[in-house]
Amino acid sequence: MKITTHLDEKLLEGAMKASRARTKREVLEEGLRRVISDRKNREFVRRMHTFNLTWTHDELMRSRE
């Protein structure tokens, strides 16, 4: 998909150096993938707090049956 937008040139240059991307497209695609990955990671961490992690060893073994 082709998109035309205005970006901060210094921000783009900094992102290209930090990511070692060779093209503007590469740096933008990597940035989008990281946004998605970060969101998934935050959701995973949020869901981990809903588990009961205070089981004894016996309770854990029973839950696996």
Protein backbone atom coordinates (compact mmCIF):
# COMPACT_ATOMS: atom_id res chain seq x y z
CA MET A 1 0.00 0.00 0.00
CA LYS A 2 1.31 3.41 -0.85
CA ILE A 3 0.98 6.18 1.75
CA THR A 4 2.14 9.76 1.60
CA THR A 5 2.90 11.41 4.92
CA HIS A 6 5.11 14.02 6.54
CA LEU A 7 7.66 12.71 9.05
CA ASP A 8 10.22 14.38 11.25
CA GLU A 9 13.40 13.88 9.21
CA LYS A 10 15.70 13.75 12.27
CA LEU A 11 13.43 11.18 13.93
CA LEU A 12 13.47 9.04 10.80
CA GLU A 13 17.25 9.32 10.46
CA GLY A 14 17.72 8.39 14.12
CA ALA A 15 15.44 5.38 13.74
CA MET A 16 17.31 4.24 10.65
CA LYS A 17 20.64 4.43 12.47
CA ALA A 18 19.31 2.71 15.59
CA SER A 19 17.67 -0.10 13.64
CA ARG A 20 20.41 -0.32 10.99
CA ALA A 21 17.68 -0.24 8.37
CA ARG A 22 18.88 0.44 4.84
CA THR A 23 15.68 2.07 3.62
CA LYS A 24 12.90 4.22 5.00
CA ARG A 25 10.47 1.43 4.22
CA GLU A 26 12.46 -1.05 6.32
CA VAL A 27 12.54 1.25 9.34
CA LEU A 28 8.82 1.99 9.09
CA GLU A 29 7.90 -1.69 8.76
CA GLU A 30 10.12 -2.62 11.71
CA GLY A 31 8.52 0.13 13.76
CA LEU A 32 5.04 -1.14 12.96
CA ARG A 33 6.03 -4.72 13.84
CA ARG A 34 7.43 -3.50 17.17
CA VAL A 35 4.23 -1.63 18.00
CA ILE A 36 2.25 -4.84 17.43
CA SER A 37 4.76 -6.94 19.38
CA ASP A 38 4.80 -4.52 22.31
CA ARG A 39 1.00 -4.53 22.47
CA LYS A 40 0.92 -8.36 22.47
CA ASN A 41 3.58 -8.49 25.19
CA ARG A 42 1.68 -6.00 27.38
CA GLU A 43 -1.51 -8.00 26.92
CA PHE A 44 0.31 -11.21 27.86
CA VAL A 45 1.72 -9.62 31.03
CA ARG A 46 -1.72 -8.21 31.91
CA ARG A 47 -3.27 -11.67 31.52
CA MET A 48 -0.55 -13.31 33.62
CA HIS A 49 -1.77 -11.31 36.59
CA THR A 50 -5.12 -13.10 36.36
CA PHE A 51 -3.68 -16.55 37.09
CA ASN A 52 -3.66 -18.09 40.54
CA LEU A 53 0.02 -18.68 41.14
CA THR A 54 -0.31 -19.69 44.77
CA TRP A 55 -0.98 -23.37 44.11
CA THR A 56 0.89 -26.02 46.04
CA HIS A 57 2.79 -28.69 44.17
CA ASP A 58 -0.03 -31.18 44.74
CA GLU A 59 -2.66 -28.75 43.42
CA LEU A 60 -0.58 -28.12 40.34
CA MET A 61 -0.21 -31.85 39.67
CA ARG A 62 -3.99 -32.37 40.11
CA SER A 63 -4.71 -29.57 37.65
CA ARG A 64 -2.69 -31.36 34.98
CA GLU A 65 -4.78 -34.55 35.14
